[in-house]
Amino acid sequence: AEILGGDEIAALLPPGAVHQGIALKVTPLPELTVDEACDGASRVV
């Protein structure tokens, strides 16, 4: 973990994001096809 001030964290986030003192950068979500996303699902939105 990197310890920063609240304003420093806010400056690294998109506008409107509320961090409440913690922020985690992660790898992007996988790009899925309809078939891949729905594999095994019985209900879909």
PDB file of all heavy atoms in Angstrom:
ATOM      1  N   ALA A   1       0.823  -1.202   0.000  1.00  0.00           N
ATOM      2  CA  ALA A   1       0.000   0.000   0.000  1.00  0.00           C
ATOM      3  C   ALA A   1       0.864   1.263   0.000  1.00  0.00           C
ATOM      4  O   ALA A   1       1.940   1.287   0.600  1.00  0.00           O
ATOM      5  CB  ALA A   1      -0.913   0.007   1.223  1.00  0.00           C
ATOM      6  N   GLU A   2       0.379   2.291  -0.691  1.00  0.00           N
ATOM      7  CA  GLU A   2       1.014   3.605  -0.675  1.00  0.00           C
ATOM      8  C   GLU A   2       0.149   4.532   0.185  1.00  0.00           C
ATOM      9  O   GLU A   2      -1.062   4.610  -0.010  1.00  0.00           O
ATOM     10  CB  GLU A   2       1.116   4.175  -2.089  1.00  0.00           C
ATOM     11  CG  GLU A   2       1.918   3.319  -3.060  1.00  0.00           C
ATOM     12  CD  GLU A   2       1.862   3.875  -4.471  1.00  0.00           C
ATOM     13  OE1 GLU A   2       2.034   5.111  -4.626  1.00  0.00           O
ATOM     14  OE2 GLU A   2       1.624   3.092  -5.407  1.00  0.00           O
ATOM     15  N   ILE A   3       0.769   5.220   1.114  1.00  0.00           N
ATOM     16  CA  ILE A   3       0.043   6.123   2.000  1.00  0.00           C
ATOM     17  C   ILE A   3       0.100   7.543   1.433  1.00  0.00           C
ATOM     18  O   ILE A   3       1.183   8.110   1.254  1.00  0.00           O
ATOM     19  CB  ILE A   3       0.636   6.092   3.424  1.00  0.00           C
ATOM     20  CG1 ILE A   3       0.693   4.657   3.956  1.00  0.00           C
ATOM     21  CG2 ILE A   3      -0.187   6.978   4.347  1.00  0.00           C
ATOM     22  CD1 ILE A   3      -0.653   3.962   4.010  1.00  0.00           C
ATOM     23  N   LEU A   4      -1.073   8.100   1.134  1.00  0.00           N
ATOM     24  CA  LEU A   4      -1.184   9.440   0.570  1.00  0.00           C
ATOM     25  C   LEU A   4      -2.253  10.221   1.316  1.00  0.00           C
ATOM     26  O   LEU A   4      -3.067   9.645   2.045  1.00  0.00           O
ATOM     27  CB  LEU A   4      -1.551   9.384  -0.919  1.00  0.00           C
ATOM     28  CG  LEU A   4      -0.580   8.702  -1.884  1.00  0.00           C
ATOM     29  CD1 LEU A   4      -1.189   8.677  -3.279  1.00  0.00           C
ATOM     30  CD2 LEU A   4       0.761   9.430  -1.910  1.00  0.00           C
ATOM     31  N   GLY A   5      -2.266  11.518   1.120  1.00  0.00           N
ATOM     32  CA  GLY A   5      -3.329  12.343   1.661  1.00  0.00           C
ATOM     33  C   GLY A   5      -4.605  12.169   0.838  1.00  0.00           C
ATOM     34  O   GLY A   5      -4.562  11.765  -0.325  1.00  0.00           O
ATOM     35  N   GLY A   6      -5.732  12.519   1.457  1.00  0.00           N
ATOM     36  CA  GLY A   6      -7.009  12.371   0.774  1.00  0.00           C
ATOM     37  C   GLY A   6      -7.083  13.171  -0.513  1.00  0.00           C
ATOM     38  O   GLY A   6      -7.600  12.684  -1.530  1.00  0.00           O
ATOM     39  N   ASP A   7      -6.548  14.398  -0.502  1.00  0.00           N
ATOM     40  CA  ASP A   7      -6.575  15.235  -1.707  1.00  0.00           C
ATOM     41  C   ASP A   7      -5.685  14.659  -2.796  1.00  0.00           C
ATOM     42  O   ASP A   7      -5.993  14.773  -3.993  1.00  0.00           O
ATOM     43  CB  ASP A   7      -6.129  16.658  -1.376  1.00  0.00           C
ATOM     44  CG  ASP A   7      -7.146  17.406  -0.528  1.00  0.00           C
ATOM     45  OD1 ASP A   7      -8.308  16.957  -0.480  1.00  0.00           O
ATOM     46  OD2 ASP A   7      -6.772  18.425   0.089  1.00  0.00           O
ATOM     47  N   GLU A   8      -4.578  14.043  -2.390  1.00  0.00           N
ATOM     48  CA  GLU A   8      -3.680  13.431  -3.376  1.00  0.00           C
ATOM     49  C   GLU A   8      -4.350  12.248  -4.069  1.00  0.00           C
ATOM     50  O   GLU A   8      -4.205  12.053  -5.280  1.00  0.00           O
ATOM     51  CB  GLU A   8      -2.391  12.968  -2.689  1.00  0.00           C
ATOM     52  CG  GLU A   8      -1.516  14.093  -2.161  1.00  0.00           C
ATOM     53  CD  GLU A   8      -0.317  13.567  -1.398  1.00  0.00           C
ATOM     54  OE1 GLU A   8      -0.516  12.926  -0.342  1.00  0.00           O
ATOM     55  OE2 GLU A   8       0.813  13.788  -1.870  1.00  0.00           O
ATOM     56  N   ILE A   9      -5.091  11.449  -3.313  1.00  0.00           N
ATOM     57  CA  ILE A   9      -5.815  10.331  -3.921  1.00  0.00           C
ATOM     58  C   ILE A   9      -6.901  10.854  -4.849  1.00  0.00           C
ATOM     59  O   ILE A   9      -7.064  10.368  -5.970  1.00  0.00           O
ATOM     60  CB  ILE A   9      -6.426   9.427  -2.834  1.00  0.00           C
ATOM     61  CG1 ILE A   9      -5.308   8.748  -2.016  1.00  0.00           C
ATOM     62  CG2 ILE A   9      -7.343   8.370  -3.457  1.00  0.00           C
ATOM     63  CD1 ILE A   9      -5.822   7.891  -0.875  1.00  0.00           C
ATOM     64  N   ALA A  10      -7.644  11.867  -4.401  1.00  0.00           N
ATOM     65  CA  ALA A  10      -8.731  12.429  -5.213  1.00  0.00           C
ATOM     66  C   ALA A  10      -8.206  12.954  -6.546  1.00  0.00           C
ATOM     67  O   ALA A  10      -8.880  12.832  -7.578  1.00  0.00           O
ATOM     68  CB  ALA A  10      -9.436  13.540  -4.445  1.00  0.00           C
ATOM     69  N   ALA A  11      -7.011  13.530  -6.543  1.00  0.00           N
ATOM     70  CA  ALA A  11      -6.436  14.094  -7.766  1.00  0.00           C
ATOM     71  C   ALA A  11      -6.109  13.015  -8.798  1.00  0.00           C
ATOM     72  O   ALA A  11      -6.006  13.309  -9.997  1.00  0.00           O
ATOM     73  CB  ALA A  11      -5.174  14.885  -7.432  1.00  0.00           C
ATOM     74  N   LEU A  12      -5.960  11.773  -8.358  1.00  0.00           N
ATOM     75  CA  LEU A  12      -5.630  10.677  -9.269  1.00  0.00           C
ATOM     76  C   LEU A  12      -6.861   9.960  -9.808  1.00  0.00           C
ATOM     77  O   LEU A  12      -6.740   9.096 -10.683  1.00  0.00           O
ATOM     78  CB  LEU A  12      -4.736   9.656  -8.538  1.00  0.00           C
ATOM     79  CG  LEU A  12      -3.360  10.167  -8.092  1.00  0.00           C
ATOM     80  CD1 LEU A  12      -2.681   9.122  -7.206  1.00  0.00           C
ATOM     81  CD2 LEU A  12      -2.490  10.487  -9.300  1.00  0.00           C
ATOM     82  N   LEU A  13      -8.034  10.321  -9.308  1.00  0.00           N
ATOM     83  CA  LEU A  13      -9.268   9.623  -9.673  1.00  0.00           C
ATOM     84  C   LEU A  13     -10.101  10.441 -10.653  1.00  0.00           C
ATOM     85  O   LEU A  13      -9.936  11.651 -10.757  1.00  0.00           O
ATOM     86  CB  LEU A  13     -10.089   9.334  -8.417  1.00  0.00           C
ATOM     87  CG  LEU A  13      -9.408   8.480  -7.341  1.00  0.00           C
ATOM     88  CD1 LEU A  13     -10.335   8.307  -6.147  1.00  0.00           C
ATOM     89  CD2 LEU A  13      -9.009   7.126  -7.902  1.00  0.00           C
ATOM     90  N   PRO A  14     -11.032   9.797 -11.369  1.00  0.00           N
ATOM     91  CA  PRO A  14     -11.915  10.533 -12.280  1.00  0.00           C
ATOM     92  C   PRO A  14     -12.821  11.489 -11.515  1.00  0.00           C
ATOM     93  O   PRO A  14     -13.099  11.266 -10.324  1.00  0.00           O
ATOM     94  CB  PRO A  14     -12.743   9.422 -12.939  1.00  0.00           C
ATOM     95  CG  PRO A  14     -11.976   8.166 -12.718  1.00  0.00           C
ATOM     96  CD  PRO A  14     -11.243   8.342 -11.424  1.00  0.00           C
ATOM     97  N   PRO A  15     -13.306  12.551 -12.155  1.00  0.00           N
ATOM     98  CA  PRO A  15     -14.224  13.480 -11.490  1.00  0.00           C
ATOM     99  C   PRO A  15     -15.462  12.754 -10.966  1.00  0.00           C
ATOM    100  O   PRO A  15     -16.024  11.894 -11.639  1.00  0.00           O
ATOM    101  CB  PRO A  15     -14.595  14.464 -12.607  1.00  0.00           C
ATOM    102  CG  PRO A  15     -13.469  14.378 -13.593  1.00  0.00           C
ATOM    103  CD  PRO A  15     -12.984  12.968 -13.533  1.00  0.00           C
ATOM    104  N   GLY A  16     -15.853  13.096  -9.744  1.00  0.00           N
ATOM    105  CA  GLY A  16     -17.047  12.499  -9.158  1.00  0.00           C
ATOM    106  C   GLY A  16     -16.801  11.231  -8.375  1.00  0.00           C
ATOM    107  O   GLY A  16     -17.698  10.754  -7.678  1.00  0.00           O
ATOM    108  N   ALA A  17     -15.607  10.670  -8.485  1.00  0.00           N
ATOM    109  CA  ALA A  17     -15.311   9.443  -7.738  1.00  0.00           C
ATOM    110  C   ALA A  17     -15.121   9.777  -6.259  1.00  0.00           C
ATOM    111  O   ALA A  17     -14.458  10.748  -5.911  1.00  0.00           O
ATOM    112  CB  ALA A  17     -14.059   8.775  -8.283  1.00  0.00           C
ATOM    113  N   VAL A  18     -15.722   8.976  -5.379  1.00  0.00           N
ATOM    114  CA  VAL A  18     -15.612   9.163  -3.932  1.00  0.00           C
ATOM    115  C   VAL A  18     -14.775   8.029  -3.380  1.00  0.00           C
ATOM    116  O   VAL A  18     -15.167   6.870  -3.452  1.00  0.00           O
ATOM    117  CB  VAL A  18     -16.999   9.180  -3.267  1.00  0.00           C
ATOM    118  CG1 VAL A  18     -16.874   9.387  -1.760  1.00  0.00           C
ATOM    119  CG2 VAL A  18     -17.868  10.271  -3.883  1.00  0.00           C
ATOM    120  N   HIS A  19     -13.610   8.356  -2.816  1.00  0.00           N
ATOM    121  CA  HIS A  19     -12.673   7.282  -2.455  1.00  0.00           C
ATOM    122  C   HIS A  19     -12.745   6.869  -0.988  1.00  0.00           C
ATOM    123  O   HIS A  19     -12.332   5.764  -0.642  1.00  0.00           O
ATOM    124  CB  HIS A  19     -11.245   7.680  -2.809  1.00  0.00           C
ATOM    125  CG  HIS A  19     -10.759   8.928  -2.122  1.00  0.00           C
ATOM    126  ND1 HIS A  19     -10.399   8.958  -0.801  1.00  0.00           N
ATOM    127  CD2 HIS A  19     -10.583  10.186  -2.582  1.00  0.00           C
ATOM    128  CE1 HIS A  19      -9.998  10.166  -0.474  1.00  0.00           C
ATOM    129  NE2 HIS A  19     -10.116  10.952  -1.543  1.00  0.00           N
ATOM    130  N   GLN A  20     -13.213   7.729  -0.100  1.00  0.00           N
ATOM    131  CA  GLN A  20     -13.321   7.397   1.334  1.00  0.00           C
ATOM    132  C   GLN A  20     -12.003   6.880   1.921  1.00  0.00           C
ATOM    133  O   GLN A  20     -11.978   6.021   2.795  1.00  0.00           O
ATOM    134  CB  GLN A  20     -14.440   6.389   1.564  1.00  0.00           C
ATOM    135  CG  GLN A  20     -15.812   6.945   1.224  1.00  0.00           C
ATOM    136  CD  GLN A  20     -16.923   5.942   1.413  1.00  0.00           C
ATOM    137  OE1 GLN A  20     -16.887   4.857   0.858  1.00  0.00           O
ATOM    138  NE2 GLN A  20     -17.912   6.305   2.208  1.00  0.00           N
ATOM    139  N   GLY A  21     -10.911   7.406   1.379  1.00  0.00           N
ATOM    140  CA  GLY A  21      -9.599   7.086   1.949  1.00  0.00           C
ATOM    141  C   GLY A  21      -8.922   5.872   1.368  1.00  0.00           C
ATOM    142  O   GLY A  21      -7.831   5.490   1.831  1.00  0.00           O
ATOM    143  N   ILE A  22      -9.510   5.239   0.366  1.00  0.00           N
ATOM    144  CA  ILE A  22      -8.892   4.051  -0.213  1.00  0.00           C
ATOM    145  C   ILE A  22      -9.214   3.971  -1.698  1.00  0.00           C
ATOM    146  O   ILE A  22     -10.333   4.279  -2.114  1.00  0.00           O
ATOM    147  CB  ILE A  22      -9.359   2.769   0.522  1.00  0.00           C
ATOM    148  CG1 ILE A  22      -8.642   1.541  -0.037  1.00  0.00           C
ATOM    149  CG2 ILE A  22     -10.866   2.609   0.458  1.00  0.00           C
ATOM    150  CD1 ILE A  22      -8.824   0.307   0.827  1.00  0.00           C
ATOM    151  N   ALA A  23      -8.232   3.609  -2.501  1.00  0.00           N
ATOM    152  CA  ALA A  23      -8.436   3.441  -3.945  1.00  0.00           C
ATOM    153  C   ALA A  23      -7.522   2.328  -4.436  1.00  0.00           C
ATOM    154  O   ALA A  23      -6.365   2.225  -4.008  1.00  0.00           O
ATOM    155  CB  ALA A  23      -8.143   4.733  -4.698  1.00  0.00           C
ATOM    156  N   LEU A  24      -8.050   1.500  -5.316  1.00  0.00           N
ATOM    157  CA  LEU A  24      -7.289   0.376  -5.843  1.00  0.00           C
ATOM    158  C   LEU A  24      -7.329   0.417  -7.367  1.00  0.00           C
ATOM    159  O   LEU A  24      -8.407   0.470  -7.968  1.00  0.00           O
ATOM    160  CB  LEU A  24      -7.888  -0.949  -5.359  1.00  0.00           C
ATOM    161  CG  LEU A  24      -7.212  -2.234  -5.850  1.00  0.00           C
ATOM    162  CD1 LEU A  24      -5.807  -2.343  -5.288  1.00  0.00           C
ATOM    163  CD2 LEU A  24      -8.050  -3.453  -5.468  1.00  0.00           C
ATOM    164  N   LYS A  25      -6.162   0.417  -7.977  1.00  0.00           N
ATOM    165  CA  LYS A  25      -6.068   0.327  -9.432  1.00  0.00           C
ATOM    166  C   LYS A  25      -5.917  -1.142  -9.807  1.00  0.00           C
ATOM    167  O   LYS A  25      -5.068  -1.851  -9.252  1.00  0.00           O
ATOM    168  CB  LYS A  25      -4.870   1.119  -9.944  1.00  0.00           C
ATOM    169  CG  LYS A  25      -4.722   1.084 -11.463  1.00  0.00           C
ATOM    170  CD  LYS A  25      -3.500   1.876 -11.916  1.00  0.00           C
ATOM    171  CE  LYS A  25      -3.372   1.823 -13.441  1.00  0.00           C
ATOM    172  NZ  LYS A  25      -2.172   2.566 -13.917  1.00  0.00           N
ATOM    173  N   VAL A  26      -6.760  -1.600 -10.739  1.00  0.00           N
ATOM    174  CA  VAL A  26      -6.731  -3.004 -11.139  1.00  0.00           C
ATOM    175  C   VAL A  26      -6.677  -3.098 -12.663  1.00  0.00           C
ATOM    176  O   VAL A  26      -6.902  -2.120 -13.374  1.00  0.00           O
ATOM    177  CB  VAL A  26      -7.966  -3.761 -10.618  1.00  0.00           C
ATOM    178  CG1 VAL A  26      -7.979  -3.810  -9.104  1.00  0.00           C
ATOM    179  CG2 VAL A  26      -9.250  -3.130 -11.146  1.00  0.00           C
ATOM    180  N   THR A  27      -6.368  -4.281 -13.152  1.00  0.00           N
ATOM    181  CA  THR A  27      -6.377  -4.514 -14.589  1.00  0.00           C
ATOM    182  C   THR A  27      -7.805  -4.426 -15.115  1.00  0.00           C
ATOM    183  O   THR A  27      -8.759  -4.640 -14.369  1.00  0.00           O
ATOM    184  CB  THR A  27      -5.791  -5.892 -14.914  1.00  0.00           C
ATOM    185  OG1 THR A  27      -6.468  -6.890 -14.126  1.00  0.00           O
ATOM    186  CG2 THR A  27      -4.303  -5.935 -14.591  1.00  0.00           C
ATOM    187  N   PRO A  28      -7.977  -4.098 -16.398  1.00  0.00           N
ATOM    188  CA  PRO A  28      -9.338  -3.953 -16.944  1.00  0.00           C
ATOM    189  C   PRO A  28     -10.111  -5.268 -16.908  1.00  0.00           C
ATOM    190  O   PRO A  28      -9.527  -6.361 -16.839  1.00  0.00           O
ATOM    191  CB  PRO A  28      -9.079  -3.511 -18.393  1.00  0.00           C
ATOM    192  CG  PRO A  28      -7.678  -2.999 -18.417  1.00  0.00           C
ATOM    193  CD  PRO A  28      -6.935  -3.776 -17.386  1.00  0.00           C
ATOM    194  N   LEU A  29     -11.431  -5.147 -16.962  1.00  0.00           N
ATOM    195  CA  LEU A  29     -12.269  -6.318 -17.100  1.00  0.00           C
ATOM    196  C   LEU A  29     -12.014  -6.979 -18.452  1.00  0.00           C
ATOM    197  O   LEU A  29     -11.672  -6.299 -19.428  1.00  0.00           O
ATOM    198  CB  LEU A  29     -13.750  -5.921 -17.015  1.00  0.00           C
ATOM    199  CG  LEU A  29     -14.270  -5.508 -15.639  1.00  0.00           C
ATOM    200  CD1 LEU A  29     -15.606  -4.799 -15.792  1.00  0.00           C
ATOM    201  CD2 LEU A  29     -14.408  -6.715 -14.720  1.00  0.00           C
ATOM    202  N   PRO A  30     -12.168  -8.289 -18.541  1.00  0.00           N
ATOM    203  CA  PRO A  30     -11.965  -8.959 -19.832  1.00  0.00           C
ATOM    204  C   PRO A  30     -13.025  -8.538 -20.839  1.00  0.00           C
ATOM    205  O   PRO A  30     -14.165  -8.251 -20.475  1.00  0.00           O
ATOM    206  CB  PRO A  30     -12.096 -10.450 -19.477  1.00  0.00           C
ATOM    207  CG  PRO A  30     -12.924 -10.476 -18.229  1.00  0.00           C
ATOM    208  CD  PRO A  30     -12.556  -9.242 -17.476  1.00  0.00           C
ATOM    209  N   GLU A  31     -12.658  -8.488 -22.113  1.00  0.00           N
ATOM    210  CA  GLU A  31     -13.615  -8.183 -23.173  1.00  0.00           C
ATOM    211  C   GLU A  31     -14.266  -9.493 -23.601  1.00  0.00           C
ATOM    212  O   GLU A  31     -13.611 -10.371 -24.159  1.00  0.00           O
ATOM    213  CB  GLU A  31     -12.907  -7.499 -24.342  1.00  0.00           C
ATOM    214  CG  GLU A  31     -12.353  -6.122 -23.978  1.00  0.00           C
ATOM    215  CD  GLU A  31     -11.744  -5.405 -25.176  1.00  0.00           C
ATOM    216  OE1 GLU A  31     -11.815  -5.965 -26.297  1.00  0.00           O
ATOM    217  OE2 GLU A  31     -11.218  -4.302 -25.000  1.00  0.00           O
ATOM    218  N   LEU A  32     -15.560  -9.627 -23.336  1.00  0.00           N
ATOM    219  CA  LEU A  32     -16.271 -10.871 -23.573  1.00  0.00           C
ATOM    220  C   LEU A  32     -17.259 -10.738 -24.725  1.00  0.00           C
ATOM    221  O   LEU A  32     -17.830  -9.675 -24.945  1.00  0.00           O
ATOM    222  CB  LEU A  32     -17.036 -11.292 -22.311  1.00  0.00           C
ATOM    223  CG  LEU A  32     -16.217 -11.514 -21.035  1.00  0.00           C
ATOM    224  CD1 LEU A  32     -17.154 -11.816 -19.871  1.00  0.00           C
ATOM    225  CD2 LEU A  32     -15.198 -12.625 -21.218  1.00  0.00           C
ATOM    226  N   THR A  33     -17.463 -11.827 -25.447  1.00  0.00           N
ATOM    227  CA  THR A  33     -18.541 -11.892 -26.424  1.00  0.00           C
ATOM    228  C   THR A  33     -19.839 -12.210 -25.689  1.00  0.00           C
ATOM    229  O   THR A  33     -19.835 -12.581 -24.510  1.00  0.00           O
ATOM    230  CB  THR A  33     -18.268 -12.980 -27.462  1.00  0.00           C
ATOM    231  OG1 THR A  33     -18.276 -14.258 -26.805  1.00  0.00           O
ATOM    232  CG2 THR A  33     -16.931 -12.771 -28.145  1.00  0.00           C
ATOM    233  N   VAL A  34     -20.961 -12.089 -26.389  1.00  0.00           N
ATOM    234  CA  VAL A  34     -22.254 -12.443 -25.793  1.00  0.00           C
ATOM    235  C   VAL A  34     -22.235 -13.904 -25.360  1.00  0.00           C
ATOM    236  O   VAL A  34     -22.678 -14.251 -24.257  1.00  0.00           O
ATOM    237  CB  VAL A  34     -23.399 -12.181 -26.789  1.00  0.00           C
ATOM    238  CG1 VAL A  34     -24.715 -12.754 -26.275  1.00  0.00           C
ATOM    239  CG2 VAL A  34     -23.534 -10.690 -27.058  1.00  0.00           C
ATOM    240  N   ASP A  35     -21.730 -14.763 -26.210  1.00  0.00           N
ATOM    241  CA  ASP A  35     -21.669 -16.194 -25.912  1.00  0.00           C
ATOM    242  C   ASP A  35     -20.835 -16.462 -24.662  1.00  0.00           C
ATOM    243  O   ASP A  35     -21.222 -17.241 -23.786  1.00  0.00           O
ATOM    244  CB  ASP A  35     -21.082 -16.937 -27.116  1.00  0.00           C
ATOM    245  CG  ASP A  35     -21.251 -18.440 -27.012  1.00  0.00           C
ATOM    246  OD1 ASP A  35     -22.188 -18.895 -26.328  1.00  0.00           O
ATOM    247  OD2 ASP A  35     -20.439 -19.170 -27.604  1.00  0.00           O
ATOM    248  N   GLU A  36     -19.682 -15.803 -24.556  1.00  0.00           N
ATOM    249  CA  GLU A  36     -18.803 -16.007 -23.397  1.00  0.00           C
ATOM    250  C   GLU A  36     -19.449 -15.481 -22.114  1.00  0.00           C
ATOM    251  O   GLU A  36     -19.384 -16.125 -21.069  1.00  0.00           O
ATOM    252  CB  GLU A  36     -17.464 -15.311 -23.637  1.00  0.00           C
ATOM    253  CG  GLU A  36     -16.606 -15.970 -24.708  1.00  0.00           C
ATOM    254  CD  GLU A  36     -15.426 -15.113 -25.120  1.00  0.00           C
ATOM    255  OE1 GLU A  36     -15.463 -13.871 -24.909  1.00  0.00           O
ATOM    256  OE2 GLU A  36     -14.465 -15.668 -25.673  1.00  0.00           O
ATOM    257  N   ALA A  37     -20.052 -14.298 -22.192  1.00  0.00           N
ATOM    258  CA  ALA A  37     -20.651 -13.702 -21.001  1.00  0.00           C
ATOM    259  C   ALA A  37     -21.810 -14.535 -20.486  1.00  0.00           C
ATOM    260  O   ALA A  37     -22.020 -14.659 -19.271  1.00  0.00           O
ATOM    261  CB  ALA A  37     -21.120 -12.279 -21.304  1.00  0.00           C
ATOM    262  N   CYS A  38     -22.574 -15.136 -21.396  1.00  0.00           N
ATOM    263  CA  CYS A  38     -23.798 -15.847 -21.017  1.00  0.00           C
ATOM    264  C   CYS A  38     -23.581 -17.331 -20.735  1.00  0.00           C
ATOM    265  O   CYS A  38     -24.541 -18.043 -20.428  1.00  0.00           O
ATOM    266  CB  CYS A  38     -24.847 -15.693 -22.111  1.00  0.00           C
ATOM    267  SG  CYS A  38     -25.383 -13.992 -22.348  1.00  0.00           S
ATOM    268  N   ASP A  39     -22.356 -17.789 -20.834  1.00  0.00           N
ATOM    269  CA  ASP A  39     -22.070 -19.202 -20.601  1.00  0.00           C
ATOM    270  C   ASP A  39     -22.495 -19.608 -19.190  1.00  0.00           C
ATOM    271  O   ASP A  39     -22.004 -19.068 -18.203  1.00  0.00           O
ATOM    272  CB  ASP A  39     -20.571 -19.468 -20.792  1.00  0.00           C
ATOM    273  CG  ASP A  39     -20.224 -20.937 -20.665  1.00  0.00           C
ATOM    274  OD1 ASP A  39     -21.075 -21.783 -20.994  1.00  0.00           O
ATOM    275  OD2 ASP A  39     -19.101 -21.248 -20.212  1.00  0.00           O
ATOM    276  N   GLY A  40     -23.415 -20.530 -19.081  1.00  0.00           N
ATOM    277  CA  GLY A  40     -23.884 -21.016 -17.788  1.00  0.00           C
ATOM    278  C   GLY A  40     -24.943 -20.164 -17.121  1.00  0.00           C
ATOM    279  O   GLY A  40     -25.450 -20.525 -16.060  1.00  0.00           O
ATOM    280  N   ALA A  41     -25.316 -19.032 -17.723  1.00  0.00           N
ATOM    281  CA  ALA A  41     -26.303 -18.130 -17.111  1.00  0.00           C
ATOM    282  C   ALA A  41     -27.712 -18.539 -17.500  1.00  0.00           C
ATOM    283  O   ALA A  41     -27.964 -18.964 -18.637  1.00  0.00           O
ATOM    284  CB  ALA A  41     -26.047 -16.692 -17.538  1.00  0.00           C
ATOM    285  N   SER A  42     -28.650 -18.410 -16.564  1.00  0.00           N
ATOM    286  CA  SER A  42     -30.062 -18.630 -16.867  1.00  0.00           C
ATOM    287  C   SER A  42     -30.844 -17.316 -16.905  1.00  0.00           C
ATOM    288  O   SER A  42     -31.957 -17.274 -17.430  1.00  0.00           O
ATOM    289  CB  SER A  42     -30.692 -19.569 -15.836  1.00  0.00           C
ATOM    290  OG  SER A  42     -30.575 -19.025 -14.529  1.00  0.00           O
ATOM    291  N   ARG A  43     -30.270 -16.266 -16.335  1.00  0.00           N
ATOM    292  CA  ARG A  43     -30.890 -14.940 -16.385  1.00  0.00           C
ATOM    293  C   ARG A  43     -29.826 -13.924 -16.812  1.00  0.00           C
ATOM    294  O   ARG A  43     -28.702 -13.931 -16.295  1.00  0.00           O
ATOM    295  CB  ARG A  43     -31.485 -14.550 -15.027  1.00  0.00           C
ATOM    296  CG  ARG A  43     -32.732 -15.323 -14.678  1.00  0.00           C
ATOM    297  CD  ARG A  43     -33.391 -14.820 -13.409  1.00  0.00           C
ATOM    298  NE  ARG A  43     -32.578 -15.031 -12.215  1.00  0.00           N
ATOM    299  CZ  ARG A  43     -32.459 -16.205 -11.592  1.00  0.00           C
ATOM    300  NH1 ARG A  43     -33.059 -17.274 -12.066  1.00  0.00           N
ATOM    301  NH2 ARG A  43     -31.730 -16.310 -10.500  1.00  0.00           N
ATOM    302  N   VAL A  44     -30.230 -13.060 -17.741  1.00  0.00           N
ATOM    303  CA  VAL A  44     -29.317 -12.073 -18.313  1.00  0.00           C
ATOM    304  C   VAL A  44     -30.024 -10.723 -18.345  1.00  0.00           C
ATOM    305  O   VAL A  44     -31.237 -10.652 -18.574  1.00  0.00           O
ATOM    306  CB  VAL A  44     -28.897 -12.485 -19.748  1.00  0.00           C
ATOM    307  CG1 VAL A  44     -28.133 -11.365 -20.440  1.00  0.00           C
ATOM    308  CG2 VAL A  44     -28.063 -13.750 -19.715  1.00  0.00           C
ATOM    309  N   VAL A  45     -29.282  -9.653 -18.107  1.00  0.00           N
ATOM    310  CA  VAL A  45     -29.805  -8.290 -18.218  1.00  0.00           C
ATOM    311  C   VAL A  45     -29.230  -7.659 -19.482  1.00  0.00           C
ATOM    312  O   VAL A  45     -28.033  -7.789 -19.763  1.00  0.00           O
ATOM    313  CB  VAL A  45     -29.417  -7.440 -16.996  1.00  0.00           C
ATOM    314  CG1 VAL A  45     -29.894  -5.999 -17.166  1.00  0.00           C
ATOM    315  CG2 VAL A  45     -30.003  -8.037 -15.726  1.00  0.00           C
TER     316      VAL A  45
END
